[in-house]
PDB file of N, CA and C in Angstrom:
ATOM      1  N   MET A   1      -1.862 -31.088  13.398  1.00  0.00           N
ATOM      2  CA  MET A   1      -2.457 -29.813  13.121  1.00  0.00           C
ATOM      3  C   MET A   1      -2.731 -29.736  11.596  1.00  0.00           C
ATOM      4  N   ARG A   2      -3.857 -29.251  11.190  1.00  0.00           N
ATOM      5  CA  ARG A   2      -4.267 -29.212   9.758  1.00  0.00           C
ATOM      6  C   ARG A   2      -3.898 -27.879   9.181  1.00  0.00           C
ATOM      7  N   THR A   3      -3.324 -27.934   8.010  1.00  0.00           N
ATOM      8  CA  THR A   3      -2.884 -26.640   7.338  1.00  0.00           C
ATOM      9  C   THR A   3      -3.671 -26.615   6.034  1.00  0.00           C
ATOM     10  N   PHE A   4      -3.938 -25.348   5.556  1.00  0.00           N
ATOM     11  CA  PHE A   4      -4.556 -25.216   4.329  1.00  0.00           C
ATOM     12  C   PHE A   4      -4.175 -23.787   3.703  1.00  0.00           C
ATOM     13  N   ASP A   5      -4.258 -23.724   2.367  1.00  0.00           N
ATOM     14  CA  ASP A   5      -3.912 -22.273   1.765  1.00  0.00           C
ATOM     15  C   ASP A   5      -5.175 -21.392   1.909  1.00  0.00           C
ATOM     16  N   VAL A   6      -4.942 -20.230   2.078  1.00  0.00           N
ATOM     17  CA  VAL A   6      -5.998 -19.229   2.182  1.00  0.00           C
ATOM     18  C   VAL A   6      -5.664 -18.113   1.039  1.00  0.00           C
ATOM     19  N   ASP A   7      -6.576 -18.077   0.232  1.00  0.00           N
ATOM     20  CA  ASP A   7      -6.477 -17.010  -0.840  1.00  0.00           C
ATOM     21  C   ASP A   7      -7.193 -15.766  -0.306  1.00  0.00           C
ATOM     22  N   VAL A   8      -6.499 -14.692  -0.088  1.00  0.00           N
ATOM     23  CA  VAL A   8      -7.060 -13.544   0.441  1.00  0.00           C
ATOM     24  C   VAL A   8      -7.032 -12.352  -0.622  1.00  0.00           C
ATOM     25  N   PHE A   9      -8.212 -11.802  -0.730  1.00  0.00           N
ATOM     26  CA  PHE A   9      -8.254 -10.750  -1.843  1.00  0.00           C
ATOM     27  C   PHE A   9      -8.584  -9.352  -1.217  1.00  0.00           C
ATOM     28  N   ALA A  10      -7.811  -8.322  -1.684  1.00  0.00           N
ATOM     29  CA  ALA A  10      -8.157  -7.001  -1.092  1.00  0.00           C
ATOM     30  C   ALA A  10      -9.094  -6.356  -2.112  1.00  0.00           C
ATOM     31  N   ILE A  11     -10.239  -6.138  -1.702  1.00  0.00           N
ATOM     32  CA  ILE A  11     -11.288  -5.579  -2.612  1.00  0.00           C
ATOM     33  C   ILE A  11     -10.849  -4.133  -2.959  1.00  0.00           C
ATOM     34  N   ASN A  12     -10.290  -3.445  -2.140  1.00  0.00           N
ATOM     35  CA  ASN A  12      -9.993  -1.944  -2.338  1.00  0.00           C
ATOM     36  C   ASN A  12      -8.432  -1.836  -2.506  1.00  0.00           C
ATOM     37  N   LYS A  13      -7.779  -2.714  -3.200  1.00  0.00           N
ATOM     38  CA  LYS A  13      -6.357  -2.781  -3.317  1.00  0.00           C
ATOM     39  C   LYS A  13      -5.761  -1.553  -3.835  1.00  0.00           C
ATOM     40  N   ASP A  14      -6.416  -0.803  -4.704  1.00  0.00           N
ATOM     41  CA  ASP A  14      -5.868   0.486  -5.311  1.00  0.00           C
ATOM     42  C   ASP A  14      -6.259   1.734  -4.698  1.00  0.00           C
ATOM     43  N   ALA A  15      -7.116   1.607  -3.732  1.00  0.00           N
ATOM     44  CA  ALA A  15      -7.691   2.830  -3.143  1.00  0.00           C
ATOM     45  C   ALA A  15      -6.498   3.758  -2.338  1.00  0.00           C
ATOM     46  N   TRP A  16      -5.468   3.048  -1.924  1.00  0.00           N
ATOM     47  CA  TRP A  16      -4.458   3.750  -1.063  1.00  0.00           C
ATOM     48  C   TRP A  16      -3.725   4.711  -2.119  1.00  0.00           C
ATOM     49  N   LYS A  17      -3.773   4.543  -3.409  1.00  0.00           N
ATOM     50  CA  LYS A  17      -2.987   5.361  -4.263  1.00  0.00           C
ATOM     51  C   LYS A  17      -3.520   6.762  -4.301  1.00  0.00           C
ATOM     52  N   GLN A  18      -4.855   6.960  -4.208  1.00  0.00           N
ATOM     53  CA  GLN A  18      -5.347   8.335  -4.120  1.00  0.00           C
ATOM     54  C   GLN A  18      -4.937   9.008  -2.880  1.00  0.00           C
ATOM     55  N   LEU A  19      -4.821   8.384  -1.811  1.00  0.00           N
ATOM     56  CA  LEU A  19      -4.276   9.029  -0.516  1.00  0.00           C
ATOM     57  C   LEU A  19      -2.850   9.514  -0.739  1.00  0.00           C
ATOM     58  N   VAL A  20      -2.073   8.785  -1.287  1.00  0.00           N
ATOM     59  CA  VAL A  20      -0.664   9.052  -1.623  1.00  0.00           C
ATOM     60  C   VAL A  20      -0.606  10.326  -2.550  1.00  0.00           C
ATOM     61  N   VAL A  21      -1.320  10.326  -3.608  1.00  0.00           N
ATOM     62  CA  VAL A  21      -1.347  11.428  -4.562  1.00  0.00           C
ATOM     63  C   VAL A  21      -1.864  12.719  -3.791  1.00  0.00           C
ATOM     64  N   GLY A  22      -2.885  12.558  -2.835  1.00  0.00           N
ATOM     65  CA  GLY A  22      -3.420  13.668  -2.161  1.00  0.00           C
ATOM     66  C   GLY A  22      -2.390  14.232  -1.142  1.00  0.00           C
ATOM     67  N   VAL A  23      -1.493  13.517  -0.631  1.00  0.00           N
ATOM     68  CA  VAL A  23      -0.510  14.057   0.221  1.00  0.00           C
ATOM     69  C   VAL A  23       0.570  14.855  -0.400  1.00  0.00           C
ATOM     70  N   LEU A  24       0.852  14.559  -1.714  1.00  0.00           N
ATOM     71  CA  LEU A  24       1.859  15.197  -2.468  1.00  0.00           C
ATOM     72  C   LEU A  24       1.257  16.463  -3.185  1.00  0.00           C
ATOM     73  N   SER A  25       2.144  17.400  -3.484  1.00  0.00           N
ATOM     74  CA  SER A  25       1.770  18.623  -4.226  1.00  0.00           C
ATOM     75  C   SER A  25       1.545  18.206  -5.649  1.00  0.00           C
ATOM     76  N   LYS A  26       0.683  19.005  -6.348  1.00  0.00           N
ATOM     77  CA  LYS A  26       0.493  18.755  -7.821  1.00  0.00           C
ATOM     78  C   LYS A  26       1.849  18.821  -8.652  1.00  0.00           C
ATOM     79  N   GLU A  27       2.675  19.733  -8.243  1.00  0.00           N
ATOM     80  CA  GLU A  27       3.876  19.899  -8.903  1.00  0.00           C
ATOM     81  C   GLU A  27       4.793  18.639  -8.753  1.00  0.00           C
ATOM     82  N   LYS A  28       4.703  18.106  -7.508  1.00  0.00           N
ATOM     83  CA  LYS A  28       5.489  16.891  -7.194  1.00  0.00           C
ATOM     84  C   LYS A  28       5.028  15.651  -8.067  1.00  0.00           C
ATOM     85  N   VAL A  29       3.658  15.459  -8.088  1.00  0.00           N
ATOM     86  CA  VAL A  29       3.062  14.386  -8.785  1.00  0.00           C
ATOM     87  C   VAL A  29       3.352  14.540 -10.302  1.00  0.00           C
ATOM     88  N   ASP A  30       3.314  15.794 -10.873  1.00  0.00           N
ATOM     89  CA  ASP A  30       3.656  15.975 -12.292  1.00  0.00           C
ATOM     90  C   ASP A  30       5.081  15.642 -12.527  1.00  0.00           C
ATOM     91  N   ASN A  31       5.925  16.030 -11.667  1.00  0.00           N
ATOM     92  CA  ASN A  31       7.396  15.671 -11.829  1.00  0.00           C
ATOM     93  C   ASN A  31       7.704  14.211 -11.821  1.00  0.00           C
ATOM     94  N   LEU A  32       6.950  13.495 -10.839  1.00  0.00           N
ATOM     95  CA  LEU A  32       7.078  12.042 -10.740  1.00  0.00           C
ATOM     96  C   LEU A  32       6.556  11.399 -12.034  1.00  0.00           C
ATOM     97  N   ASN A  33       5.468  11.991 -12.576  1.00  0.00           N
ATOM     98  CA  ASN A  33       4.865  11.473 -13.773  1.00  0.00           C
ATOM     99  C   ASN A  33       5.924  11.618 -14.936  1.00  0.00           C
ATOM    100  N   LEU A  34       6.494  12.795 -15.133  1.00  0.00           N
ATOM    101  CA  LEU A  34       7.459  13.025 -16.111  1.00  0.00           C
ATOM    102  C   LEU A  34       8.642  12.038 -16.092  1.00  0.00           C
ATOM    103  N   ARG A  35       9.072  11.677 -14.844  1.00  0.00           N
ATOM    104  CA  ARG A  35      10.233  10.792 -14.668  1.00  0.00           C
ATOM    105  C   ARG A  35       9.723   9.424 -14.754  1.00  0.00           C
ATOM    106  N   LYS A  36       8.353   9.109 -14.872  1.00  0.00           N
ATOM    107  CA  LYS A  36       7.886   7.838 -14.757  1.00  0.00           C
ATOM    108  C   LYS A  36       8.201   6.968 -13.628  1.00  0.00           C
ATOM    109  N   GLU A  37       8.223   7.690 -12.550  1.00  0.00           N
ATOM    110  CA  GLU A  37       8.644   6.922 -11.223  1.00  0.00           C
ATOM    111  C   GLU A  37       7.463   5.999 -10.833  1.00  0.00           C
ATOM    112  N   LYS A  38       7.831   4.978 -10.009  1.00  0.00           N
ATOM    113  CA  LYS A  38       6.848   4.077  -9.352  1.00  0.00           C
ATOM    114  C   LYS A  38       7.231   4.000  -7.883  1.00  0.00           C
ATOM    115  N   LEU A  39       6.192   3.822  -7.130  1.00  0.00           N
ATOM    116  CA  LEU A  39       6.258   3.708  -5.688  1.00  0.00           C
ATOM    117  C   LEU A  39       5.628   2.238  -5.459  1.00  0.00           C
ATOM    118  N   SER A  40       6.484   1.263  -5.045  1.00  0.00           N
ATOM    119  CA  SER A  40       5.952  -0.140  -4.766  1.00  0.00           C
ATOM    120  C   SER A  40       5.940  -0.168  -3.160  1.00  0.00           C
ATOM    121  N   ILE A  41       4.833  -0.797  -2.767  1.00  0.00           N
ATOM    122  CA  ILE A  41       4.690  -0.985  -1.247  1.00  0.00           C
ATOM    123  C   ILE A  41       4.335  -2.463  -1.038  1.00  0.00           C
ATOM    124  N   LEU A  42       5.000  -3.121  -0.034  1.00  0.00           N
ATOM    125  CA  LEU A  42       4.500  -4.332   0.378  1.00  0.00           C
ATOM    126  C   LEU A  42       3.896  -4.110   1.668  1.00  0.00           C
ATOM    127  N   PHE A  43       2.606  -4.261   1.712  1.00  0.00           N
ATOM    128  CA  PHE A  43       1.736  -4.012   2.960  1.00  0.00           C
ATOM    129  C   PHE A  43       1.773  -5.271   3.776  1.00  0.00           C
ATOM    130  N   VAL A  44       2.032  -5.236   5.102  1.00  0.00           N
ATOM    131  CA  VAL A  44       1.802  -6.201   5.986  1.00  0.00           C
ATOM    132  C   VAL A  44       0.565  -5.827   6.895  1.00  0.00           C
ATOM    133  N   VAL A  45      -0.430  -6.631   6.651  1.00  0.00           N
ATOM    134  CA  VAL A  45      -1.841  -6.226   7.142  1.00  0.00           C
ATOM    135  C   VAL A  45      -2.334  -7.244   8.140  1.00  0.00           C
ATOM    136  N   LYS A  46      -3.022  -6.744   9.102  1.00  0.00           N
ATOM    137  CA  LYS A  46      -3.767  -7.598  10.144  1.00  0.00           C
ATOM    138  C   LYS A  46      -4.931  -8.221   9.392  1.00  0.00           C
ATOM    139  N   SER A  47      -5.492  -9.238   9.995  1.00  0.00           N
ATOM    140  CA  SER A  47      -6.661  -9.932   9.463  1.00  0.00           C
ATOM    141  C   SER A  47      -7.886  -8.898   9.340  1.00  0.00           C
ATOM    142  N   THR A  48      -7.857  -7.851  10.097  1.00  0.00           N
ATOM    143  CA  THR A  48      -8.990  -6.877  10.136  1.00  0.00           C
ATOM    144  C   THR A  48      -8.807  -5.885   8.944  1.00  0.00           C
ATOM    145  N   GLY A  49      -7.652  -5.929   8.264  1.00  0.00           N
ATOM    146  CA  GLY A  49      -7.373  -4.995   7.169  1.00  0.00           C
ATOM    147  C   GLY A  49      -6.614  -3.793   7.579  1.00  0.00           C
ATOM    148  N   ALA A  50      -6.220  -3.680   8.834  1.00  0.00           N
ATOM    149  CA  ALA A  50      -5.473  -2.568   9.366  1.00  0.00           C
ATOM    150  C   ALA A  50      -3.970  -2.786   8.933  1.00  0.00           C
ATOM    151  N   ILE A  51      -3.220  -1.757   8.567  1.00  0.00           N
ATOM    152  CA  ILE A  51      -1.917  -1.885   8.186  1.00  0.00           C
ATOM    153  C   ILE A  51      -1.067  -2.024   9.473  1.00  0.00           C
ATOM    154  N   HIS A  52      -0.216  -3.129   9.458  1.00  0.00           N
ATOM    155  CA  HIS A  52       0.543  -3.404  10.559  1.00  0.00           C
ATOM    156  C   HIS A  52       2.009  -2.754  10.304  1.00  0.00           C
ATOM    157  N   TYR A  53       2.499  -2.894   9.013  1.00  0.00           N
ATOM    158  CA  TYR A  53       3.799  -2.398   8.681  1.00  0.00           C
ATOM    159  C   TYR A  53       3.833  -2.309   7.076  1.00  0.00           C
ATOM    160  N   MET A  54       4.753  -1.430   6.622  1.00  0.00           N
ATOM    161  CA  MET A  54       4.932  -1.326   5.126  1.00  0.00           C
ATOM    162  C   MET A  54       6.458  -1.256   4.800  1.00  0.00           C
ATOM    163  N   PHE A  55       6.698  -1.922   3.672  1.00  0.00           N
ATOM    164  CA  PHE A  55       8.074  -1.906   3.043  1.00  0.00           C
ATOM    165  C   PHE A  55       8.023  -1.110   1.775  1.00  0.00           C
ATOM    166  N   TYR A  56       8.877  -0.155   1.584  1.00  0.00           N
ATOM    167  CA  TYR A  56       8.835   0.582   0.420  1.00  0.00           C
ATOM    168  C   TYR A  56       9.972   0.256  -0.584  1.00  0.00           C
ATOM    169  N   ALA A  57       9.623   0.324  -1.866  1.00  0.00           N
ATOM    170  CA  ALA A  57      10.717   0.053  -2.941  1.00  0.00           C
ATOM    171  C   ALA A  57      10.491   1.383  -3.808  1.00  0.00           C
ATOM    172  N   LEU A  58      11.659   1.989  -4.079  1.00  0.00           N
ATOM    173  CA  LEU A  58      11.662   3.210  -4.856  1.00  0.00           C
ATOM    174  C   LEU A  58      12.856   3.130  -5.749  1.00  0.00           C
ATOM    175  N   PRO A  59      12.889   3.935  -6.806  1.00  0.00           N
ATOM    176  CA  PRO A  59      14.116   4.021  -7.625  1.00  0.00           C
ATOM    177  C   PRO A  59      15.214   4.687  -6.842  1.00  0.00           C
ATOM    178  N   ARG A  60      16.423   4.294  -7.220  1.00  0.00           N
ATOM    179  CA  ARG A  60      17.635   4.775  -6.424  1.00  0.00           C
ATOM    180  C   ARG A  60      17.719   6.304  -6.369  1.00  0.00           C
ATOM    181  N   ASN A  61      17.329   7.078  -7.471  1.00  0.00           N
ATOM    182  CA  ASN A  61      17.387   8.446  -7.559  1.00  0.00           C
ATOM    183  C   ASN A  61      15.992   9.030  -7.462  1.00  0.00           C
ATOM    184  N   THR A  62      15.091   8.640  -6.672  1.00  0.00           N
ATOM    185  CA  THR A  62      13.745   9.114  -6.576  1.00  0.00           C
ATOM    186  C   THR A  62      13.718  10.524  -6.249  1.00  0.00           C
ATOM    187  N   MET A  63      12.681  11.206  -6.694  1.00  0.00           N
ATOM    188  CA  MET A  63      12.358  12.612  -6.296  1.00  0.00           C
ATOM    189  C   MET A  63      11.682  12.774  -4.890  1.00  0.00           C
ATOM    190  N   LEU A  64      11.201  11.645  -4.438  1.00  0.00           N
ATOM    191  CA  LEU A  64      10.444  11.696  -3.140  1.00  0.00           C
ATOM    192  C   LEU A  64      11.528  11.889  -2.019  1.00  0.00           C
ATOM    193  N   THR A  65      11.183  12.818  -1.140  1.00  0.00           N
ATOM    194  CA  THR A  65      12.039  13.154   0.031  1.00  0.00           C
ATOM    195  C   THR A  65      11.629  12.180   1.200  1.00  0.00           C
ATOM    196  N   VAL A  66      12.514  12.171   2.172  1.00  0.00           N
ATOM    197  CA  VAL A  66      12.174  11.478   3.441  1.00  0.00           C
ATOM    198  C   VAL A  66      11.002  12.061   3.989  1.00  0.00           C
ATOM    199  N   GLN A  67      10.840  13.371   4.045  1.00  0.00           N
ATOM    200  CA  GLN A  67       9.684  14.059   4.676  1.00  0.00           C
ATOM    201  C   GLN A  67       8.439  13.657   3.936  1.00  0.00           C
ATOM    202  N   GLU A  68       8.508  13.601   2.570  1.00  0.00           N
ATOM    203  CA  GLU A  68       7.218  13.158   1.941  1.00  0.00           C
ATOM    204  C   GLU A  68       6.839  11.741   2.201  1.00  0.00           C
ATOM    205  N   LEU A  69       7.907  10.849   2.285  1.00  0.00           N
ATOM    206  CA  LEU A  69       7.681   9.380   2.582  1.00  0.00           C
ATOM    207  C   LEU A  69       7.066   9.325   3.970  1.00  0.00           C
ATOM    208  N   SER A  70       7.509  10.203   4.854  1.00  0.00           N
ATOM    209  CA  SER A  70       7.013  10.164   6.186  1.00  0.00           C
ATOM    210  C   SER A  70       5.483  10.551   6.227  1.00  0.00           C
ATOM    211  N   LYS A  71       5.177  11.573   5.388  1.00  0.00           N
ATOM    212  CA  LYS A  71       3.713  12.007   5.221  1.00  0.00           C
ATOM    213  C   LYS A  71       2.817  10.906   4.698  1.00  0.00           C
ATOM    214  N   ILE A  72       3.387  10.259   3.669  1.00  0.00           N
ATOM    215  CA  ILE A  72       2.720   9.221   3.051  1.00  0.00           C
ATOM    216  C   ILE A  72       2.418   8.055   4.095  1.00  0.00           C
ATOM    217  N   ASP A  73       3.488   7.702   4.745  1.00  0.00           N
ATOM    218  CA  ASP A  73       3.409   6.631   5.733  1.00  0.00           C
ATOM    219  C   ASP A  73       2.339   7.003   6.852  1.00  0.00           C
ATOM    220  N   LYS A  74       2.368   8.239   7.356  1.00  0.00           N
ATOM    221  CA  LYS A  74       1.463   8.616   8.387  1.00  0.00           C
ATOM    222  C   LYS A  74       0.045   8.605   7.878  1.00  0.00           C
ATOM    223  N   LYS A  75      -0.244   9.095   6.659  1.00  0.00           N
ATOM    224  CA  LYS A  75      -1.466   9.124   6.081  1.00  0.00           C
ATOM    225  C   LYS A  75      -2.113   7.710   5.824  1.00  0.00           C
ATOM    226  N   LEU A  76      -1.312   6.773   5.294  1.00  0.00           N
ATOM    227  CA  LEU A  76      -1.806   5.450   5.097  1.00  0.00           C
ATOM    228  C   LEU A  76      -1.982   4.681   6.400  1.00  0.00           C
ATOM    229  N   MET A  77      -1.152   4.883   7.415  1.00  0.00           N
ATOM    230  CA  MET A  77      -1.244   4.202   8.669  1.00  0.00           C
ATOM    231  C   MET A  77      -2.532   4.680   9.395  1.00  0.00           C
ATOM    232  N   GLU A  78      -2.847   5.934   9.316  1.00  0.00           N
ATOM    233  CA  GLU A  78      -3.916   6.520  10.042  1.00  0.00           C
ATOM    234  C   GLU A  78      -5.281   6.515   9.321  1.00  0.00           C
ATOM    235  N   ASP A  79      -5.247   6.573   7.992  1.00  0.00           N
ATOM    236  CA  ASP A  79      -6.506   6.665   7.144  1.00  0.00           C
ATOM    237  C   ASP A  79      -6.881   5.549   6.315  1.00  0.00           C
ATOM    238  N   PHE A  80      -6.095   4.480   6.103  1.00  0.00           N
ATOM    239  CA  PHE A  80      -6.387   3.494   5.239  1.00  0.00           C
ATOM    240  C   PHE A  80      -6.542   2.104   5.831  1.00  0.00           C
ATOM    241  N   LYS A  81      -7.502   1.344   5.379  1.00  0.00           N
ATOM    242  CA  LYS A  81      -7.655   0.042   5.900  1.00  0.00           C
ATOM    243  C   LYS A  81      -8.119  -0.826   4.693  1.00  0.00           C
ATOM    244  N   PHE A  82      -7.538  -1.905   4.421  1.00  0.00           N
ATOM    245  CA  PHE A  82      -7.892  -2.813   3.322  1.00  0.00           C
ATOM    246  C   PHE A  82      -9.296  -3.525   3.653  1.00  0.00           C
ATOM    247  N   SER A  83     -10.023  -3.685   2.742  1.00  0.00           N
ATOM    248  CA  SER A  83     -11.206  -4.512   2.786  1.00  0.00           C
ATOM    249  C   SER A  83     -10.849  -5.905   2.238  1.00  0.00           C
ATOM    250  N   LEU A  84     -10.851  -6.897   3.200  1.00  0.00           N
ATOM    251  CA  LEU A  84     -10.335  -8.231   2.702  1.00  0.00           C
ATOM    252  C   LEU A  84     -11.532  -9.177   2.561  1.00  0.00           C
ATOM    253  N   LYS A  85     -11.314 -10.226   1.723  1.00  0.00           N
ATOM    254  CA  LYS A  85     -12.282 -11.335   1.590  1.00  0.00           C
ATOM    255  C   LYS A  85     -11.536 -12.539   1.338  1.00  0.00           C
ATOM    256  N   SER A  86     -12.079 -13.647   1.832  1.00  0.00           N
ATOM    257  CA  SER A  86     -11.526 -14.952   1.503  1.00  0.00           C
ATOM    258  C   SER A  86     -12.643 -16.027   1.681  1.00  0.00           C
ATOM    259  N   THR A  87     -12.394 -17.216   1.216  1.00  0.00           N
ATOM    260  CA  THR A  87     -13.335 -18.243   1.335  1.00  0.00           C
ATOM    261  C   THR A  87     -13.600 -18.494   2.811  1.00  0.00           C
ATOM    262  N   LYS A  88     -14.845 -18.629   3.133  1.00  0.00           N
ATOM    263  CA  LYS A  88     -15.255 -18.785   4.510  1.00  0.00           C
ATOM    264  C   LYS A  88     -14.562 -17.979   5.590  1.00  0.00           C
ATOM    265  N   ASN A  89     -14.121 -16.735   5.072  1.00  0.00           N
ATOM    266  CA  ASN A  89     -13.422 -15.681   5.941  1.00  0.00           C
ATOM    267  C   ASN A  89     -12.290 -16.243   6.747  1.00  0.00           C
ATOM    268  N   ARG A  90     -11.624 -17.173   6.081  1.00  0.00           N
ATOM    269  CA  ARG A  90     -10.488 -17.812   6.692  1.00  0.00           C
ATOM    270  C   ARG A  90      -9.359 -16.899   7.030  1.00  0.00           C
ATOM    271  N   HIS A  91      -9.321 -15.736   6.358  1.00  0.00           N
ATOM    272  CA  HIS A  91      -8.274 -14.748   6.621  1.00  0.00           C
ATOM    273  C   HIS A  91      -8.351 -14.283   7.974  1.00  0.00           C
ATOM    274  N   LEU A  92      -9.534 -14.300   8.624  1.00  0.00           N
ATOM    275  CA  LEU A  92      -9.742 -13.892  10.063  1.00  0.00           C
ATOM    276  C   LEU A  92      -8.890 -14.767  11.080  1.00  0.00           C
ATOM    277  N   GLN A  93      -8.498 -15.883  10.518  1.00  0.00           N
ATOM    278  CA  GLN A  93      -7.780 -16.775  11.432  1.00  0.00           C
ATOM    279  C   GLN A  93      -6.177 -16.533  11.288  1.00  0.00           C
ATOM    280  N   MET A  94      -5.816 -15.700  10.327  1.00  0.00           N
ATOM    281  CA  MET A  94      -4.446 -15.386  10.056  1.00  0.00           C
ATOM    282  C   MET A  94      -3.970 -14.148  10.947  1.00  0.00           C
ATOM    283  N   TYR A  95      -2.713 -14.239  11.350  1.00  0.00           N
ATOM    284  CA  TYR A  95      -2.227 -13.102  12.135  1.00  0.00           C
ATOM    285  C   TYR A  95      -1.833 -11.913  11.240  1.00  0.00           C
ATOM    286  N   LEU A  96      -1.124 -12.193  10.250  1.00  0.00           N
ATOM    287  CA  LEU A  96      -0.633 -11.109   9.296  1.00  0.00           C
ATOM    288  C   LEU A  96      -0.841 -11.582   7.762  1.00  0.00           C
ATOM    289  N   ILE A  97      -1.121 -10.654   6.934  1.00  0.00           N
ATOM    290  CA  ILE A  97      -1.309 -10.939   5.440  1.00  0.00           C
ATOM    291  C   ILE A  97      -0.423  -9.990   4.707  1.00  0.00           C
ATOM    292  N   MET A  98       0.238 -10.444   3.684  1.00  0.00           N
ATOM    293  CA  MET A  98       1.010  -9.572   2.818  1.00  0.00           C
ATOM    294  C   MET A  98       0.347  -9.175   1.614  1.00  0.00           C
ATOM    295  N   ILE A  99       0.353  -7.931   1.186  1.00  0.00           N
ATOM    296  CA  ILE A  99      -0.284  -7.432  -0.033  1.00  0.00           C
ATOM    297  C   ILE A  99       0.662  -6.529  -0.742  1.00  0.00           C
ATOM    298  N   ASP A 100       1.047  -6.839  -1.967  1.00  0.00           N
ATOM    299  CA  ASP A 100       2.025  -6.178  -2.688  1.00  0.00           C
ATOM    300  C   ASP A 100       1.252  -5.233  -3.689  1.00  0.00           C
ATOM    301  N   SER A 101       1.662  -3.958  -3.830  1.00  0.00           N
ATOM    302  CA  SER A 101       0.917  -3.071  -4.760  1.00  0.00           C
ATOM    303  C   SER A 101       1.816  -1.976  -5.204  1.00  0.00           C
ATOM    304  N   GLU A 102       1.475  -1.355  -6.358  1.00  0.00           N
ATOM    305  CA  GLU A 102       2.445  -0.340  -6.879  1.00  0.00           C
ATOM    306  C   GLU A 102       1.657   0.677  -7.436  1.00  0.00           C
ATOM    307  N   LEU A 103       2.287   1.893  -7.249  1.00  0.00           N
ATOM    308  CA  LEU A 103       1.644   3.154  -7.748  1.00  0.00           C
ATOM    309  C   LEU A 103       2.618   3.687  -8.798  1.00  0.00           C
ATOM    310  N   ASP A 104       2.179   3.659 -10.156  1.00  0.00           N
ATOM    311  CA  ASP A 104       2.904   4.112 -11.264  1.00  0.00           C
ATOM    312  C   ASP A 104       2.411   5.530 -11.638  1.00  0.00           C
ATOM    313  N   PHE A 105       3.359   6.443 -11.196  1.00  0.00           N
ATOM    314  CA  PHE A 105       3.056   7.892 -11.409  1.00  0.00           C
ATOM    315  C   PHE A 105       2.759   8.345 -12.835  1.00  0.00           C
ATOM    316  N   SER A 106       3.247   7.511 -13.819  1.00  0.00           N
ATOM    317  CA  SER A 106       3.090   7.911 -15.247  1.00  0.00           C
ATOM    318  C   SER A 106       1.781   7.437 -15.766  1.00  0.00           C
ATOM    319  N   LYS A 107       0.894   6.844 -14.994  1.00  0.00           N
ATOM    320  CA  LYS A 107      -0.341   6.478 -15.482  1.00  0.00           C
ATOM    321  C   LYS A 107      -1.497   7.289 -14.924  1.00  0.00           C
TER     322      LYS A 107
END
């Protein structure tokens, strides 16, 4: 069996951030900004760009509630899809792809 590396690029890697900010209240986003909080997500994505699963990394004392994280999760799962590209579309032969991204509320 022949193996090879596949470099997969998400063209719209940062687009999910606007959906997250849209789910939260302006007051919450302002408070997260003041505290310089970050939301890191490791996306596990199908070759079509659809999200299969997400792993969240948050500060220990985050201001985000479980309910807000649930809303974020639901919004991303329902309304977001990565646009992927690779040499010769080899990513289409892959079952799952991992994409790491971070939303820095202080920026």
